């Protein structure tokens, strides 16, 4: 194989892997599947790349499916990879966090996870 052909293949493969990048959930507070004794006042989600807050959102629901998030998701101070959403007073129970984001490279992703307040 010629050097030019090999280089072209490498550049093509690098282009494919960066085109497949999406903003995926990296970690959260409260953590995915965790049990916390003290109810959080906000939910924070960190993603693997920057997100566009105007086209992203977070909804928190209680065990009955009622929305308990009390505000619009916004970028956390100091970065473009974390969203925060305030929540009201959370009594003991299981909560589901549903998220959808548009990454800065225009890919859409979504997901959900649960956490428990009060050792339920």
N, C-alpha and C. Protein backbone atom coordinates (compact mmCIF):
# COMPACT_ATOMS: atom_id res chain seq x y z
N UNK A 1 0.83 -1.18 0.00
CA UNK A 1 0.00 0.00 0.00
C UNK A 1 0.87 1.24 0.00
N UNK A 2 0.40 2.23 -0.68
CA UNK A 2 1.16 3.48 -0.70
C UNK A 2 0.90 4.26 0.58
N UNK A 3 1.80 5.16 0.89
CA UNK A 3 1.66 6.02 2.07
C UNK A 3 0.41 6.90 1.94
N UNK A 4 0.16 7.41 0.74
CA UNK A 4 -1.01 8.27 0.54
C UNK A 4 -2.30 7.49 0.79
N UNK A 5 -2.38 6.27 0.30
CA UNK A 5 -3.57 5.46 0.49
C UNK A 5 -3.78 5.16 1.98
N UNK A 6 -2.73 4.79 2.67
CA UNK A 6 -2.80 4.50 4.10
C UNK A 6 -3.23 5.74 4.87
N UNK A 7 -2.66 6.88 4.53
CA UNK A 7 -3.02 8.13 5.20
C UNK A 7 -4.48 8.47 4.95
N UNK A 8 -4.93 8.29 3.71
CA UNK A 8 -6.33 8.57 3.38
C UNK A 8 -7.27 7.68 4.19
N UNK A 9 -6.94 6.41 4.32
CA UNK A 9 -7.77 5.49 5.11
C UNK A 9 -7.80 5.93 6.57
N UNK A 10 -6.67 6.32 7.13
CA UNK A 10 -6.61 6.76 8.53
C UNK A 10 -7.46 8.01 8.74
N UNK A 11 -7.35 8.97 7.84
CA UNK A 11 -8.15 10.20 7.95
C UNK A 11 -9.63 9.86 7.85
N UNK A 12 -10.00 8.98 6.93
CA UNK A 12 -11.39 8.56 6.79
C UNK A 12 -11.90 7.92 8.08
N UNK A 13 -11.13 7.04 8.67
CA UNK A 13 -11.53 6.35 9.90
C UNK A 13 -11.64 7.33 11.07
N UNK A 14 -10.75 8.28 11.16
CA UNK A 14 -10.86 9.29 12.22
C UNK A 14 -12.12 10.10 12.04
N UNK A 15 -12.46 10.42 10.82
CA UNK A 15 -13.69 11.16 10.55
C UNK A 15 -14.92 10.39 10.97
N UNK A 16 -14.92 9.09 10.77
CA UNK A 16 -16.06 8.26 11.17
C UNK A 16 -16.21 8.27 12.68
N UNK A 17 -15.12 8.08 13.43
CA UNK A 17 -15.28 8.02 14.87
C UNK A 17 -15.70 9.35 15.46
N UNK A 18 -15.25 10.48 14.95
CA UNK A 18 -15.71 11.74 15.50
C UNK A 18 -17.13 12.05 15.08
N UNK A 19 -17.56 11.54 13.94
CA UNK A 19 -18.94 11.76 13.51
C UNK A 19 -19.91 10.95 14.37
N UNK A 20 -19.45 9.87 14.96
CA UNK A 20 -20.31 9.04 15.79
C UNK A 20 -20.39 9.52 17.24
N UNK A 21 -19.68 10.58 17.60
CA UNK A 21 -19.67 11.06 18.97
C UNK A 21 -21.03 11.65 19.33
N UNK A 22 -21.51 11.32 20.52
CA UNK A 22 -22.77 11.85 21.03
C UNK A 22 -22.55 12.26 22.48
N UNK A 23 -23.35 13.19 22.95
CA UNK A 23 -23.30 13.58 24.36
C UNK A 23 -24.05 12.53 25.17
N UNK A 24 -23.33 11.68 25.84
CA UNK A 24 -23.93 10.64 26.67
C UNK A 24 -23.77 11.02 28.14
N UNK A 25 -24.66 10.53 28.97
CA UNK A 25 -24.58 10.81 30.39
C UNK A 25 -23.31 10.18 30.96
N UNK A 26 -22.48 11.00 31.59
CA UNK A 26 -21.24 10.53 32.20
C UNK A 26 -21.47 10.18 33.67
N UNK A 27 -22.06 11.12 34.42
CA UNK A 27 -22.42 10.87 35.81
C UNK A 27 -23.45 11.91 36.25
N UNK A 28 -24.00 11.71 37.43
CA UNK A 28 -25.06 12.59 37.91
C UNK A 28 -25.02 12.69 39.42
N UNK A 29 -25.72 13.71 39.93
CA UNK A 29 -25.94 13.88 41.36
C UNK A 29 -27.41 14.16 41.57
N UNK A 30 -28.12 13.30 42.29
CA UNK A 30 -27.73 12.01 42.83
C UNK A 30 -27.31 11.03 41.72
N UNK A 31 -26.47 10.10 42.11
CA UNK A 31 -25.92 9.14 41.16
C UNK A 31 -27.00 8.18 40.66
N UNK A 32 -26.78 7.67 39.47
CA UNK A 32 -27.67 6.69 38.85
C UNK A 32 -27.85 5.50 39.79
N UNK A 33 -29.10 5.16 40.11
CA UNK A 33 -29.40 4.01 40.94
C UNK A 33 -29.08 4.16 42.41
N UNK A 34 -28.70 5.36 42.85
CA UNK A 34 -28.28 5.55 44.24
C UNK A 34 -29.47 5.73 45.18
N UNK A 35 -29.18 5.61 46.46
CA UNK A 35 -30.12 5.95 47.52
C UNK A 35 -29.49 7.05 48.34
N UNK A 36 -30.19 8.17 48.50
CA UNK A 36 -29.69 9.29 49.30
C UNK A 36 -30.62 9.48 50.49
N UNK A 37 -30.05 9.80 51.63
CA UNK A 37 -30.87 10.02 52.82
C UNK A 37 -31.46 11.43 52.84
N UNK A 38 -30.70 12.39 52.33
CA UNK A 38 -31.15 13.78 52.28
C UNK A 38 -31.56 14.11 50.86
N UNK A 39 -32.77 14.64 50.70
CA UNK A 39 -33.30 14.98 49.38
C UNK A 39 -32.49 16.12 48.75
N UNK A 40 -32.13 15.99 47.49
CA UNK A 40 -31.39 17.06 46.82
C UNK A 40 -32.32 18.24 46.51
N UNK A 41 -31.76 19.42 46.37
CA UNK A 41 -32.52 20.61 45.97
C UNK A 41 -32.44 20.81 44.46
N UNK A 42 -31.47 20.14 43.83
CA UNK A 42 -31.33 20.18 42.38
C UNK A 42 -30.72 18.88 41.90
N UNK A 43 -30.97 18.57 40.63
CA UNK A 43 -30.38 17.41 39.99
C UNK A 43 -29.34 17.93 39.02
N UNK A 44 -28.16 17.33 39.04
CA UNK A 44 -27.08 17.72 38.13
C UNK A 44 -26.68 16.53 37.27
N UNK A 45 -26.54 16.79 35.96
CA UNK A 45 -26.16 15.76 35.01
C UNK A 45 -24.94 16.22 34.22
N UNK A 46 -23.90 15.40 34.18
CA UNK A 46 -22.69 15.71 33.42
C UNK A 46 -22.65 14.81 32.19
N UNK A 47 -22.35 15.41 31.05
CA UNK A 47 -22.31 14.69 29.78
C UNK A 47 -20.90 14.60 29.23
N UNK A 48 -20.71 13.70 28.29
CA UNK A 48 -19.38 13.43 27.74
C UNK A 48 -18.90 14.50 26.78
N UNK A 49 -19.78 15.41 26.38
CA UNK A 49 -19.39 16.56 25.55
C UNK A 49 -20.38 17.68 25.81
N UNK A 50 -20.08 18.87 25.29
CA UNK A 50 -20.91 20.04 25.51
C UNK A 50 -22.33 19.86 24.98
N UNK A 51 -23.29 20.50 25.66
CA UNK A 51 -24.69 20.43 25.24
C UNK A 51 -25.24 21.84 25.02
N UNK A 52 -26.28 21.92 24.21
CA UNK A 52 -26.97 23.18 23.92
C UNK A 52 -28.18 23.27 24.85
N UNK A 53 -28.14 24.13 25.87
CA UNK A 53 -29.23 24.16 26.85
C UNK A 53 -30.59 24.55 26.27
N UNK A 54 -30.60 25.37 25.22
CA UNK A 54 -31.88 25.78 24.64
C UNK A 54 -32.64 24.62 24.01
N UNK A 55 -31.93 23.55 23.67
CA UNK A 55 -32.54 22.40 23.01
C UNK A 55 -32.40 21.13 23.84
N UNK A 56 -32.18 21.30 25.14
CA UNK A 56 -31.99 20.17 26.05
C UNK A 56 -32.94 20.34 27.23
N UNK A 57 -33.23 19.24 27.89
CA UNK A 57 -34.12 19.34 29.04
C UNK A 57 -34.00 18.16 29.98
N UNK A 58 -34.47 18.39 31.21
CA UNK A 58 -34.47 17.37 32.25
C UNK A 58 -35.83 17.43 32.95
N UNK A 59 -36.46 16.29 33.11
CA UNK A 59 -37.71 16.20 33.86
C UNK A 59 -37.52 15.17 34.96
N UNK A 60 -37.94 15.52 36.17
CA UNK A 60 -37.86 14.61 37.31
C UNK A 60 -39.29 14.26 37.71
N UNK A 61 -39.56 12.96 37.84
CA UNK A 61 -40.91 12.49 38.19
C UNK A 61 -40.87 11.64 39.46
N UNK A 62 -41.94 11.75 40.25
CA UNK A 62 -42.04 10.91 41.44
C UNK A 62 -42.59 9.54 41.06
N UNK A 63 -42.80 8.68 42.05
CA UNK A 63 -43.27 7.32 41.80
C UNK A 63 -44.64 7.25 41.13
N UNK A 64 -45.45 8.31 41.27
CA UNK A 64 -46.77 8.36 40.65
C UNK A 64 -46.71 8.95 39.25
N UNK A 65 -45.50 9.32 38.79
CA UNK A 65 -45.34 9.87 37.46
C UNK A 65 -45.55 11.37 37.37
N UNK A 66 -45.75 12.03 38.52
CA UNK A 66 -45.94 13.48 38.53
C UNK A 66 -44.61 14.20 38.45
N UNK A 67 -44.57 15.28 37.68
CA UNK A 67 -43.34 16.07 37.54
C UNK A 67 -43.05 16.81 38.83
N UNK A 68 -41.81 16.68 39.31
CA UNK A 68 -41.39 17.39 40.53
C UNK A 68 -40.27 18.40 40.26
N UNK A 69 -39.78 18.47 39.04
CA UNK A 69 -38.78 19.50 38.73
C UNK A 69 -39.50 20.84 38.70
N UNK A 70 -38.84 21.87 39.23
CA UNK A 70 -39.51 23.15 39.41
C UNK A 70 -38.98 24.27 38.53
N UNK A 71 -38.10 23.95 37.62
CA UNK A 71 -37.55 24.98 36.76
C UNK A 71 -36.98 24.37 35.51
N UNK A 72 -36.55 25.25 34.63
CA UNK A 72 -35.96 24.82 33.36
C UNK A 72 -34.51 24.38 33.60
N UNK A 73 -34.10 23.34 32.90
CA UNK A 73 -32.70 22.90 32.98
C UNK A 73 -31.80 23.99 32.42
N UNK A 74 -30.67 24.20 33.07
CA UNK A 74 -29.71 25.21 32.64
C UNK A 74 -28.30 24.67 32.80
N UNK A 75 -27.35 25.29 32.13
CA UNK A 75 -25.95 24.89 32.25
C UNK A 75 -25.46 25.16 33.67
N UNK A 76 -24.69 24.25 34.20
CA UNK A 76 -24.06 24.46 35.50
C UNK A 76 -22.97 25.51 35.34
N UNK A 77 -22.72 26.29 36.38
CA UNK A 77 -21.67 27.32 36.28
C UNK A 77 -20.31 26.72 35.90
N UNK A 78 -19.62 27.41 35.00
CA UNK A 78 -18.26 27.03 34.67
C UNK A 78 -18.07 25.97 33.61
N UNK A 79 -19.08 25.66 32.84
CA UNK A 79 -18.87 24.64 31.82
C UNK A 79 -20.03 24.51 30.87
N UNK A 80 -19.83 23.68 29.87
CA UNK A 80 -20.89 23.44 28.87
C UNK A 80 -21.30 21.97 28.83
N UNK A 81 -20.80 21.16 29.78
CA UNK A 81 -21.12 19.74 29.74
C UNK A 81 -22.07 19.31 30.85
N UNK A 82 -22.51 20.22 31.70
CA UNK A 82 -23.37 19.84 32.82
C UNK A 82 -24.66 20.65 32.82
N UNK A 83 -25.77 19.94 33.02
CA UNK A 83 -27.08 20.58 33.17
C UNK A 83 -27.54 20.41 34.61
N UNK A 84 -28.27 21.42 35.09
CA UNK A 84 -28.87 21.35 36.42
C UNK A 84 -30.34 21.71 36.30
N UNK A 85 -31.17 21.10 37.14
CA UNK A 85 -32.58 21.45 37.22
C UNK A 85 -32.98 21.45 38.69
N UNK A 86 -33.63 22.54 39.15
CA UNK A 86 -34.08 22.57 40.54
C UNK A 86 -35.27 21.64 40.75
N UNK A 87 -35.39 21.11 41.95
CA UNK A 87 -36.53 20.27 42.30
C UNK A 87 -37.13 20.82 43.59
N UNK A 88 -38.40 20.55 43.78
CA UNK A 88 -39.07 20.97 45.01
C UNK A 88 -38.66 20.06 46.17
N UNK A 89 -39.38 20.17 47.24
CA UNK A 89 -39.14 19.33 48.41
C UNK A 89 -39.49 17.89 48.02
N UNK A 90 -38.53 16.99 48.11
CA UNK A 90 -38.75 15.60 47.71
C UNK A 90 -38.95 14.72 48.93
N UNK A 91 -40.15 14.21 49.14
CA UNK A 91 -40.35 13.26 50.24
C UNK A 91 -39.70 11.92 49.90
N UNK A 92 -39.56 11.03 50.87
CA UNK A 92 -38.99 9.72 50.58
C UNK A 92 -39.74 9.02 49.45
N UNK A 93 -38.97 8.36 48.58
CA UNK A 93 -39.57 7.65 47.47
C UNK A 93 -38.59 7.46 46.33
N UNK A 94 -39.08 6.89 45.26
CA UNK A 94 -38.26 6.64 44.07
C UNK A 94 -38.57 7.72 43.04
N UNK A 95 -37.52 8.25 42.42
CA UNK A 95 -37.66 9.32 41.44
C UNK A 95 -36.99 8.91 40.13
N UNK A 96 -37.62 9.32 39.04
CA UNK A 96 -37.08 9.03 37.71
C UNK A 96 -36.64 10.34 37.07
N UNK A 97 -35.41 10.36 36.57
CA UNK A 97 -34.85 11.52 35.89
C UNK A 97 -34.82 11.19 34.40
N UNK A 98 -35.55 11.97 33.61
CA UNK A 98 -35.58 11.79 32.15
C UNK A 98 -34.86 12.97 31.53
N UNK A 99 -33.94 12.70 30.63
CA UNK A 99 -33.16 13.78 30.00
C UNK A 99 -33.12 13.61 28.49
N UNK A 100 -32.99 14.75 27.82
CA UNK A 100 -32.72 14.76 26.38
C UNK A 100 -31.80 15.95 26.12
N UNK A 101 -30.81 15.73 25.30
CA UNK A 101 -29.86 16.80 25.00
C UNK A 101 -29.54 16.86 23.52
N UNK A 102 -29.17 18.05 23.11
CA UNK A 102 -28.60 18.28 21.79
C UNK A 102 -27.16 18.67 22.05
N UNK A 103 -26.22 17.87 21.56
CA UNK A 103 -24.81 18.17 21.79
C UNK A 103 -24.38 19.32 20.89
N UNK A 104 -23.24 19.92 21.22
CA UNK A 104 -22.74 21.05 20.43
C UNK A 104 -22.43 20.64 19.00
N UNK A 105 -22.26 19.35 18.74
CA UNK A 105 -22.04 18.90 17.36
C UNK A 105 -23.35 18.43 16.71
N UNK A 106 -24.49 18.81 17.29
CA UNK A 106 -25.85 18.62 16.78
C UNK A 106 -26.41 17.20 16.84
N UNK A 107 -25.84 16.33 17.63
CA UNK A 107 -26.41 15.00 17.82
C UNK A 107 -27.38 15.03 18.99
N UNK A 108 -28.52 14.34 18.84
CA UNK A 108 -29.52 14.25 19.90
C UNK A 108 -29.37 12.91 20.62
N UNK A 109 -29.45 12.96 21.94
CA UNK A 109 -29.47 11.74 22.74
C UNK A 109 -30.48 11.93 23.86
N UNK A 110 -30.92 10.82 24.43
CA UNK A 110 -31.86 10.87 25.54
C UNK A 110 -31.69 9.65 26.41
N UNK A 111 -32.20 9.74 27.61
CA UNK A 111 -32.12 8.61 28.51
C UNK A 111 -32.87 8.89 29.80
N UNK A 112 -32.82 7.95 30.70
CA UNK A 112 -33.50 8.08 31.98
C UNK A 112 -32.80 7.20 33.00
N UNK A 113 -32.93 7.57 34.25
CA UNK A 113 -32.42 6.75 35.34
C UNK A 113 -33.23 7.06 36.59
N UNK A 114 -33.08 6.25 37.61
CA UNK A 114 -33.81 6.44 38.86
C UNK A 114 -32.86 6.59 40.03
N UNK A 115 -33.34 7.23 41.08
CA UNK A 115 -32.65 7.27 42.36
C UNK A 115 -33.73 7.25 43.44
N UNK A 116 -33.32 6.96 44.67
CA UNK A 116 -34.26 6.85 45.78
C UNK A 116 -33.88 7.82 46.88
N UNK A 117 -34.87 8.45 47.45
CA UNK A 117 -34.67 9.32 48.62
C UNK A 117 -35.20 8.57 49.85
N UNK A 118 -34.35 8.47 50.87
CA UNK A 118 -34.80 7.93 52.15
C UNK A 118 -34.81 6.44 52.33
N UNK A 119 -34.00 5.72 51.59
CA UNK A 119 -33.86 4.28 51.81
C UNK A 119 -35.13 3.50 51.55
N UNK A 120 -35.91 3.93 50.64
CA UNK A 120 -37.18 3.30 50.27
C UNK A 120 -37.01 1.94 49.68
